Structures are given as structure tokens and as C-alpha cells.
């Protein structure tokens, strides 16, 4: 997986989208690290809701996500 910066609805946040995500795919997430949180959003709806996780929660989630 390679990471690439994504255009952001909020220019103060640098969103990162995985190279596994495609414009026509059903599951496209972007993440952005900010002040002690990891933000997650749907790349197809950048102005939509965001999920904010503590870095420890994100780190605990990654092994699960990589196998499913």
C-alpha cells in the first residue's frame, strides 16, 4: 500500500488516501492525523461526517482491518 495526499474540503487538514482506494470503488476511506486524533472520512463524501479516534484506538484497529 502506498499513501497519497488527497484534496481536502478543509485545507487545514491533510487527508491521506490509500492507493488501494479507487474513485469507482465502494469502500474508500481517508485518514488525517491532527492534534492527538486520527480523523476518518468517506473519500466520496469529503464534506460528510468524520470519525475521530484516539491514536491508540486507530493502532489497535489496523491489524483487524488489514485482515478483513
C-alpha atoms as a PDB file:
ATOM      1  CA  UNK A   1       0.000   0.000   0.000  1.00  0.00           C
ATOM      2  CA  UNK A   2       1.198   3.474  -0.758  1.00  0.00           C
ATOM      3  CA  UNK A   3      -0.293   6.591   0.712  1.00  0.00           C
ATOM      4  CA  UNK A   4      -1.031   9.756  -1.193  1.00  0.00           C
ATOM      5  CA  UNK A   5      -2.316  13.117  -0.078  1.00  0.00           C
ATOM      6  CA  UNK A   6      -5.879  13.829  -1.073  1.00  0.00           C
ATOM      7  CA  UNK A   7      -7.598  17.089  -1.905  1.00  0.00           C
ATOM      8  CA  UNK A   8      -9.329  18.300   1.227  1.00  0.00           C
ATOM      9  CA  UNK A   9     -12.593  20.078   1.886  1.00  0.00           C
ATOM     10  CA  UNK A  10     -10.795  21.637   4.877  1.00  0.00           C
ATOM     11  CA  UNK A  11      -7.427  22.964   3.739  1.00  0.00           C
ATOM     12  CA  UNK A  12      -6.077  22.909   7.311  1.00  0.00           C
ATOM     13  CA  UNK A  13      -6.172  19.108   7.335  1.00  0.00           C
ATOM     14  CA  UNK A  14      -4.058  16.895   5.084  1.00  0.00           C
ATOM     15  CA  UNK A  15      -6.122  13.838   4.224  1.00  0.00           C
ATOM     16  CA  UNK A  16      -4.333  10.656   3.162  1.00  0.00           C
ATOM     17  CA  UNK A  17      -5.961   8.093   0.887  1.00  0.00           C
ATOM     18  CA  UNK A  18      -4.589   4.613   0.351  1.00  0.00           C
ATOM     19  CA  UNK A  19      -3.570   3.583  -3.150  1.00  0.00           C
ATOM     20  CA  UNK A  20      -5.972   0.639  -2.644  1.00  0.00           C
ATOM     21  CA  UNK A  21      -8.854   3.110  -2.838  1.00  0.00           C
ATOM     22  CA  UNK A  22     -10.203   3.902  -6.289  1.00  0.00           C
ATOM     23  CA  UNK A  23     -12.645   6.541  -7.468  1.00  0.00           C
ATOM     24  CA  UNK A  24     -15.185   3.929  -8.529  1.00  0.00           C
ATOM     25  CA  UNK A  25     -14.720   1.549  -5.584  1.00  0.00           C
ATOM     26  CA  UNK A  26     -17.386   1.083  -2.924  1.00  0.00           C
ATOM     27  CA  UNK A  27     -15.045   1.443   0.069  1.00  0.00           C
ATOM     28  CA  UNK A  28     -12.800   4.494   0.029  1.00  0.00           C
ATOM     29  CA  UNK A  29     -11.592   5.974   3.278  1.00  0.00           C
ATOM     30  CA  UNK A  30      -9.186   8.782   4.003  1.00  0.00           C
ATOM     31  CA  UNK A  31      -7.385   9.479   7.258  1.00  0.00           C
ATOM     32  CA  UNK A  32      -5.824  12.618   8.703  1.00  0.00           C
ATOM     33  CA  UNK A  33      -3.726  12.873  11.868  1.00  0.00           C
ATOM     34  CA  UNK A  34      -4.489  16.024  13.876  1.00  0.00           C
ATOM     35  CA  UNK A  35      -3.764  17.137  17.463  1.00  0.00           C
ATOM     36  CA  UNK A  36      -3.843  13.750  19.147  1.00  0.00           C
ATOM     37  CA  UNK A  37      -6.622  12.302  16.984  1.00  0.00           C
ATOM     38  CA  UNK A  38      -6.965  10.356  13.774  1.00  0.00           C
ATOM     39  CA  UNK A  39      -9.817  11.610  11.595  1.00  0.00           C
ATOM     40  CA  UNK A  40     -11.528   9.198   9.196  1.00  0.00           C
ATOM     41  CA  UNK A  41     -13.928  10.124   6.380  1.00  0.00           C
ATOM     42  CA  UNK A  42     -15.505   8.717   3.232  1.00  0.00           C
ATOM     43  CA  UNK A  43     -13.433   9.992   0.319  1.00  0.00           C
ATOM     44  CA  UNK A  44     -16.530  10.143  -1.879  1.00  0.00           C
ATOM     45  CA  UNK A  45     -18.221  12.494   0.621  1.00  0.00           C
ATOM     46  CA  UNK A  46     -15.459  14.809   1.905  1.00  0.00           C
ATOM     47  CA  UNK A  47     -17.924  17.282   3.424  1.00  0.00           C
ATOM     48  CA  UNK A  48     -19.775  14.487   5.230  1.00  0.00           C
ATOM     49  CA  UNK A  49     -19.354  13.187   8.771  1.00  0.00           C
ATOM     50  CA  UNK A  50     -15.973  12.292  10.211  1.00  0.00           C
ATOM     51  CA  UNK A  51     -14.973   9.811  12.846  1.00  0.00           C
ATOM     52  CA  UNK A  52     -12.290  10.883  15.334  1.00  0.00           C
ATOM     53  CA  UNK A  53     -10.251   8.196  17.079  1.00  0.00           C
ATOM     54  CA  UNK A  54      -7.502   8.302  19.646  1.00  0.00           C
ATOM     55  CA  UNK A  55      -4.210   7.133  18.114  1.00  0.00           C
ATOM     56  CA  UNK A  56      -4.243   4.065  20.379  1.00  0.00           C
ATOM     57  CA  UNK A  57      -7.699   3.057  19.087  1.00  0.00           C
ATOM     58  CA  UNK A  58      -6.546   3.505  15.473  1.00  0.00           C
ATOM     59  CA  UNK A  59      -3.413   1.448  16.134  1.00  0.00           C
ATOM     60  CA  UNK A  60      -5.491  -1.323  17.717  1.00  0.00           C
ATOM     61  CA  UNK A  61      -7.883  -1.314  14.722  1.00  0.00           C
ATOM     62  CA  UNK A  62      -5.247  -1.587  11.969  1.00  0.00           C
ATOM     63  CA  UNK A  63      -4.378  -5.304  12.430  1.00  0.00           C
ATOM     64  CA  UNK A  64      -8.084  -6.164  12.183  1.00  0.00           C
ATOM     65  CA  UNK A  65      -8.599  -4.005   9.093  1.00  0.00           C
ATOM     66  CA  UNK A  66      -5.591  -5.480   7.329  1.00  0.00           C
ATOM     67  CA  UNK A  67      -7.082  -8.987   7.505  1.00  0.00           C
ATOM     68  CA  UNK A  68     -10.691  -8.190   6.550  1.00  0.00           C
END
